[in-house]
Structure formats: structure tokens, C-alpha cells
Amino acid sequence: MTNPINLNQFRKAKQKAEKAKLAEENRIKFGRTKAEKNLAKSKADKAKSDLDGHKREK
């Protein structure tokens, strides 16, 4: 005879595994390191300042 299965524990473990899978997908999709964020911000700032430097004053 097999051991009885606690369905509540099984259900909660399944939900936890699904959440972990979703979290991993989101880390891949949206995750960037702080260095990458700072680099992107500095590139955007430089591009904006270069563009502002080429404007003519009226």
C-alpha cells in the first residue's frame, strides 16, 4: 500500500514551482544589472546633450 498524499501540500508546491518559473522568465525578459542601467542612462544623457548642442538659438 502506498503512502497517503496531502493534496494541500501538493497544490502549494505546484503553485510555488509555477511562480518560480514565471519569475525566472521575467528575470530574463526584464532584468538588467545596475551597471547596464547606468550605461544606458549615460548614453541617453550624452545623446541629449549632443542634440542640444546643435540647436540654434532664436
PDB file of N, CA and C in Angstrom:
ATOM      1  N   MET A   1       0.843  -1.173   0.000  1.00  0.00           N
ATOM      2  CA  MET A   1       0.000   0.000   0.000  1.00  0.00           C
ATOM      3  C   MET A   1       0.892   1.243   0.000  1.00  0.00           C
ATOM      4  N   THR A   2       0.479   2.251  -0.736  1.00  0.00           N
ATOM      5  CA  THR A   2       1.274   3.476  -0.832  1.00  0.00           C
ATOM      6  C   THR A   2       0.942   4.424   0.306  1.00  0.00           C
ATOM      7  N   ASN A   3       1.803   5.405   0.445  1.00  0.00           N
ATOM      8  CA  ASN A   3       1.585   6.409   1.492  1.00  0.00           C
ATOM      9  C   ASN A   3       0.519   7.399   1.039  1.00  0.00           C
ATOM     10  N   PRO A   4      -0.275   7.918   1.966  1.00  0.00           N
ATOM     11  CA  PRO A   4      -1.277   8.913   1.588  1.00  0.00           C
ATOM     12  C   PRO A   4      -0.606  10.222   1.169  1.00  0.00           C
ATOM     13  N   ILE A   5      -1.250  10.922   0.246  1.00  0.00           N
ATOM     14  CA  ILE A   5      -0.715  12.176  -0.273  1.00  0.00           C
ATOM     15  C   ILE A   5      -1.547  13.323   0.276  1.00  0.00           C
ATOM     16  N   ASN A   6      -0.871  14.329   0.803  1.00  0.00           N
ATOM     17  CA  ASN A   6      -1.561  15.521   1.267  1.00  0.00           C
ATOM     18  C   ASN A   6      -1.755  16.434   0.060  1.00  0.00           C
ATOM     19  N   LEU A   7      -2.989  16.574  -0.372  1.00  0.00           N
ATOM     20  CA  LEU A   7      -3.272  17.330  -1.588  1.00  0.00           C
ATOM     21  C   LEU A   7      -2.997  18.822  -1.421  1.00  0.00           C
ATOM     22  N   ASN A   8      -3.164  19.341  -0.223  1.00  0.00           N
ATOM     23  CA  ASN A   8      -2.865  20.753   0.007  1.00  0.00           C
ATOM     24  C   ASN A   8      -1.378  21.036  -0.205  1.00  0.00           C
ATOM     25  N   GLN A   9      -0.543  20.170   0.309  1.00  0.00           N
ATOM     26  CA  GLN A   9       0.901  20.347   0.122  1.00  0.00           C
ATOM     27  C   GLN A   9       1.257  20.212  -1.350  1.00  0.00           C
ATOM     28  N   PHE A  10       0.656  19.271  -2.039  1.00  0.00           N
ATOM     29  CA  PHE A  10       0.917  19.079  -3.458  1.00  0.00           C
ATOM     30  C   PHE A  10       0.514  20.318  -4.252  1.00  0.00           C
ATOM     31  N   ARG A  11      -0.679  20.855  -3.967  1.00  0.00           N
ATOM     32  CA  ARG A  11      -1.175  22.050  -4.659  1.00  0.00           C
ATOM     33  C   ARG A  11      -0.268  23.246  -4.417  1.00  0.00           C
ATOM     34  N   LYS A  12       0.144  23.451  -3.173  1.00  0.00           N
ATOM     35  CA  LYS A  12       1.007  24.588  -2.841  1.00  0.00           C
ATOM     36  C   LYS A  12       2.384  24.443  -3.486  1.00  0.00           C
ATOM     37  N   ALA A  13       2.910  23.236  -3.524  1.00  0.00           N
ATOM     38  CA  ALA A  13       4.208  23.008  -4.162  1.00  0.00           C
ATOM     39  C   ALA A  13       4.132  23.281  -5.659  1.00  0.00           C
ATOM     40  N   LYS A  14       3.023  22.907  -6.276  1.00  0.00           N
ATOM     41  CA  LYS A  14       2.833  23.148  -7.709  1.00  0.00           C
ATOM     42  C   LYS A  14       2.750  24.646  -7.984  1.00  0.00           C
ATOM     43  N   GLN A  15       2.003  25.384  -7.161  1.00  0.00           N
ATOM     44  CA  GLN A  15       1.903  26.836  -7.327  1.00  0.00           C
ATOM     45  C   GLN A  15       3.257  27.506  -7.148  1.00  0.00           C
ATOM     46  N   LYS A  16       4.018  27.037  -6.180  1.00  0.00           N
ATOM     47  CA  LYS A  16       5.343  27.609  -5.922  1.00  0.00           C
ATOM     48  C   LYS A  16       6.271  27.379  -7.115  1.00  0.00           C
ATOM     49  N   ALA A  17       6.197  26.197  -7.708  1.00  0.00           N
ATOM     50  CA  ALA A  17       7.032  25.890  -8.872  1.00  0.00           C
ATOM     51  C   ALA A  17       6.640  26.768 -10.064  1.00  0.00           C
ATOM     52  N   GLU A  18       5.337  26.988 -10.253  1.00  0.00           N
ATOM     53  CA  GLU A  18       4.881  27.845 -11.348  1.00  0.00           C
ATOM     54  C   GLU A  18       5.339  29.286 -11.151  1.00  0.00           C
ATOM     55  N   LYS A  19       5.275  29.775  -9.897  1.00  0.00           N
ATOM     56  CA  LYS A  19       5.731  31.135  -9.610  1.00  0.00           C
ATOM     57  C   LYS A  19       7.227  31.274  -9.860  1.00  0.00           C
ATOM     58  N   ALA A  20       7.987  30.251  -9.489  1.00  0.00           N
ATOM     59  CA  ALA A  20       9.431  30.282  -9.698  1.00  0.00           C
ATOM     60  C   ALA A  20       9.753  30.303 -11.192  1.00  0.00           C
ATOM     61  N   LYS A  21       8.997  29.552 -11.980  1.00  0.00           N
ATOM     62  CA  LYS A  21       9.211  29.528 -13.428  1.00  0.00           C
ATOM     63  C   LYS A  21       8.904  30.892 -14.026  1.00  0.00           C
ATOM     64  N   LEU A  22       7.799  31.503 -13.618  1.00  0.00           N
ATOM     65  CA  LEU A  22       7.429  32.824 -14.106  1.00  0.00           C
ATOM     66  C   LEU A  22       8.466  33.873 -13.699  1.00  0.00           C
ATOM     67  N   ALA A  23       8.965  33.778 -12.485  1.00  0.00           N
ATOM     68  CA  ALA A  23       9.977  34.722 -12.011  1.00  0.00           C
ATOM     69  C   ALA A  23      11.256  34.595 -12.840  1.00  0.00           C
ATOM     70  N   GLU A  24      11.646  33.385 -13.170  1.00  0.00           N
ATOM     71  CA  GLU A  24      12.839  33.174 -13.991  1.00  0.00           C
ATOM     72  C   GLU A  24      12.657  33.786 -15.375  1.00  0.00           C
ATOM     73  N   GLU A  25      11.473  33.602 -15.968  1.00  0.00           N
ATOM     74  CA  GLU A  25      11.201  34.183 -17.280  1.00  0.00           C
ATOM     75  C   GLU A  25      11.247  35.708 -17.222  1.00  0.00           C
ATOM     76  N   ASN A  26      10.709  36.287 -16.154  1.00  0.00           N
ATOM     77  CA  ASN A  26      10.724  37.739 -16.009  1.00  0.00           C
ATOM     78  C   ASN A  26      12.128  38.269 -15.786  1.00  0.00           C
ATOM     79  N   ARG A  27      12.950  37.536 -15.061  1.00  0.00           N
ATOM     80  CA  ARG A  27      14.347  37.966 -14.857  1.00  0.00           C
ATOM     81  C   ARG A  27      15.075  38.024 -16.191  1.00  0.00           C
ATOM     82  N   ILE A  28      14.809  37.053 -17.048  1.00  0.00           N
ATOM     83  CA  ILE A  28      15.450  37.037 -18.362  1.00  0.00           C
ATOM     84  C   ILE A  28      14.902  38.160 -19.231  1.00  0.00           C
ATOM     85  N   LYS A  29      13.594  38.367 -19.179  1.00  0.00           N
ATOM     86  CA  LYS A  29      12.955  39.336 -20.057  1.00  0.00           C
ATOM     87  C   LYS A  29      13.237  40.780 -19.638  1.00  0.00           C
ATOM     88  N   PHE A  30      13.134  41.077 -18.347  1.00  0.00           N
ATOM     89  CA  PHE A  30      13.189  42.457 -17.886  1.00  0.00           C
ATOM     90  C   PHE A  30      14.440  42.799 -17.092  1.00  0.00           C
ATOM     91  N   GLY A  31      15.166  41.821 -16.635  1.00  0.00           N
ATOM     92  CA  GLY A  31      16.262  42.070 -15.718  1.00  0.00           C
ATOM     93  C   GLY A  31      17.479  42.682 -16.387  1.00  0.00           C
ATOM     94  N   ARG A  32      17.979  43.740 -15.788  1.00  0.00           N
ATOM     95  CA  ARG A  32      19.236  44.332 -16.221  1.00  0.00           C
ATOM     96  C   ARG A  32      20.021  44.661 -14.964  1.00  0.00           C
ATOM     97  N   THR A  33      21.321  44.595 -15.072  1.00  0.00           N
ATOM     98  CA  THR A  33      22.147  44.924 -13.922  1.00  0.00           C
ATOM     99  C   THR A  33      22.186  46.429 -13.746  1.00  0.00           C
ATOM    100  N   LYS A  34      22.639  46.849 -12.573  1.00  0.00           N
ATOM    101  CA  LYS A  34      22.724  48.273 -12.287  1.00  0.00           C
ATOM    102  C   LYS A  34      23.709  48.949 -13.240  1.00  0.00           C
ATOM    103  N   ALA A  35      24.777  48.269 -13.573  1.00  0.00           N
ATOM    104  CA  ALA A  35      25.764  48.825 -14.495  1.00  0.00           C
ATOM    105  C   ALA A  35      25.155  49.043 -15.879  1.00  0.00           C
ATOM    106  N   GLU A  36      24.350  48.096 -16.340  1.00  0.00           N
ATOM    107  CA  GLU A  36      23.691  48.249 -17.640  1.00  0.00           C
ATOM    108  C   GLU A  36      22.718  49.417 -17.633  1.00  0.00           C
ATOM    109  N   LYS A  37      21.981  49.580 -16.530  1.00  0.00           N
ATOM    110  CA  LYS A  37      21.049  50.703 -16.420  1.00  0.00           C
ATOM    111  C   LYS A  37      21.800  52.030 -16.432  1.00  0.00           C
ATOM    112  N   ASN A  38      22.902  52.100 -15.689  1.00  0.00           N
ATOM    113  CA  ASN A  38      23.693  53.341 -15.638  1.00  0.00           C
ATOM    114  C   ASN A  38      24.303  53.658 -17.004  1.00  0.00           C
ATOM    115  N   LEU A  39      24.761  52.646 -17.703  1.00  0.00           N
ATOM    116  CA  LEU A  39      25.342  52.844 -19.033  1.00  0.00           C
ATOM    117  C   LEU A  39      24.296  53.379 -20.004  1.00  0.00           C
ATOM    118  N   ALA A  40      23.118  52.800 -19.986  1.00  0.00           N
ATOM    119  CA  ALA A  40      22.053  53.256 -20.869  1.00  0.00           C
ATOM    120  C   ALA A  40      21.652  54.691 -20.541  1.00  0.00           C
ATOM    121  N   LYS A  41      21.605  55.015 -19.254  1.00  0.00           N
ATOM    122  CA  LYS A  41      21.240  56.377 -18.842  1.00  0.00           C
ATOM    123  C   LYS A  41      22.298  57.369 -19.288  1.00  0.00           C
ATOM    124  N   SER A  42      23.558  57.022 -19.135  1.00  0.00           N
ATOM    125  CA  SER A  42      24.621  57.943 -19.529  1.00  0.00           C
ATOM    126  C   SER A  42      24.659  58.125 -21.044  1.00  0.00           C
ATOM    127  N   LYS A  43      24.398  57.060 -21.805  1.00  0.00           N
ATOM    128  CA  LYS A  43      24.347  57.189 -23.268  1.00  0.00           C
ATOM    129  C   LYS A  43      23.193  58.091 -23.688  1.00  0.00           C
ATOM    130  N   ALA A  44      22.035  57.946 -23.035  1.00  0.00           N
ATOM    131  CA  ALA A  44      20.887  58.787 -23.360  1.00  0.00           C
ATOM    132  C   ALA A  44      21.173  60.249 -23.005  1.00  0.00           C
ATOM    133  N   ASP A  45      21.805  60.481 -21.868  1.00  0.00           N
ATOM    134  CA  ASP A  45      22.153  61.846 -21.466  1.00  0.00           C
ATOM    135  C   ASP A  45      23.127  62.474 -22.456  1.00  0.00           C
ATOM    136  N   LYS A  46      24.119  61.698 -22.894  1.00  0.00           N
ATOM    137  CA  LYS A  46      25.098  62.225 -23.845  1.00  0.00           C
ATOM    138  C   LYS A  46      24.435  62.541 -25.182  1.00  0.00           C
ATOM    139  N   ALA A  47      23.554  61.664 -25.644  1.00  0.00           N
ATOM    140  CA  ALA A  47      22.863  61.906 -26.904  1.00  0.00           C
ATOM    141  C   ALA A  47      22.001  63.161 -26.805  1.00  0.00           C
ATOM    142  N   LYS A  48      21.351  63.360 -25.669  1.00  0.00           N
ATOM    143  CA  LYS A  48      20.517  64.547 -25.477  1.00  0.00           C
ATOM    144  C   LYS A  48      21.375  65.808 -25.450  1.00  0.00           C
ATOM    145  N   SER A  49      22.503  65.755 -24.767  1.00  0.00           N
ATOM    146  CA  SER A  49      23.364  66.936 -24.702  1.00  0.00           C
ATOM    147  C   SER A  49      23.982  67.241 -26.072  1.00  0.00           C
ATOM    148  N   ASP A  50      24.333  66.208 -26.839  1.00  0.00           N
ATOM    149  CA  ASP A  50      24.853  66.423 -28.189  1.00  0.00           C
ATOM    150  C   ASP A  50      23.795  67.073 -29.085  1.00  0.00           C
ATOM    151  N   LEU A  51      22.567  66.610 -28.976  1.00  0.00           N
ATOM    152  CA  LEU A  51      21.483  67.175 -29.758  1.00  0.00           C
ATOM    153  C   LEU A  51      21.217  68.624 -29.346  1.00  0.00           C
ATOM    154  N   ASP A  52      21.236  68.892 -28.049  1.00  0.00           N
ATOM    155  CA  ASP A  52      21.022  70.258 -27.565  1.00  0.00           C
ATOM    156  C   ASP A  52      22.160  71.176 -28.000  1.00  0.00           C
ATOM    157  N   GLY A  53      23.347  70.634 -28.162  1.00  0.00           N
ATOM    158  CA  GLY A  53      24.491  71.431 -28.581  1.00  0.00           C
ATOM    159  C   GLY A  53      24.402  71.862 -30.027  1.00  0.00           C
ATOM    160  N   HIS A  54      23.612  71.172 -30.829  1.00  0.00           N
ATOM    161  CA  HIS A  54      23.473  71.510 -32.244  1.00  0.00           C
ATOM    162  C   HIS A  54      22.287  72.424 -32.542  1.00  0.00           C
ATOM    163  N   LYS A  55      21.525  72.740 -31.506  1.00  0.00           N
ATOM    164  CA  LYS A  55      20.359  73.598 -31.727  1.00  0.00           C
ATOM    165  C   LYS A  55      20.782  75.048 -31.943  1.00  0.00           C
ATOM    166  N   ARG A  56      20.039  75.723 -32.779  1.00  0.00           N
ATOM    167  CA  ARG A  56      20.267  77.151 -32.989  1.00  0.00           C
ATOM    168  C   ARG A  56      19.371  77.931 -32.033  1.00  0.00           C
ATOM    169  N   GLU A  57      19.919  78.958 -31.482  1.00  0.00           N
ATOM    170  CA  GLU A  57      19.140  79.821 -30.597  1.00  0.00           C
ATOM    171  C   GLU A  57      18.447  80.889 -31.430  1.00  0.00           C
ATOM    172  N   LYS A  58      17.193  81.151 -31.153  1.00  0.00           N
ATOM    173  CA  LYS A  58      16.458  82.184 -31.890  1.00  0.00           C
ATOM    174  C   LYS A  58      16.325  83.424 -31.059  1.00  0.00           C
TER     175      LYS A  58
END
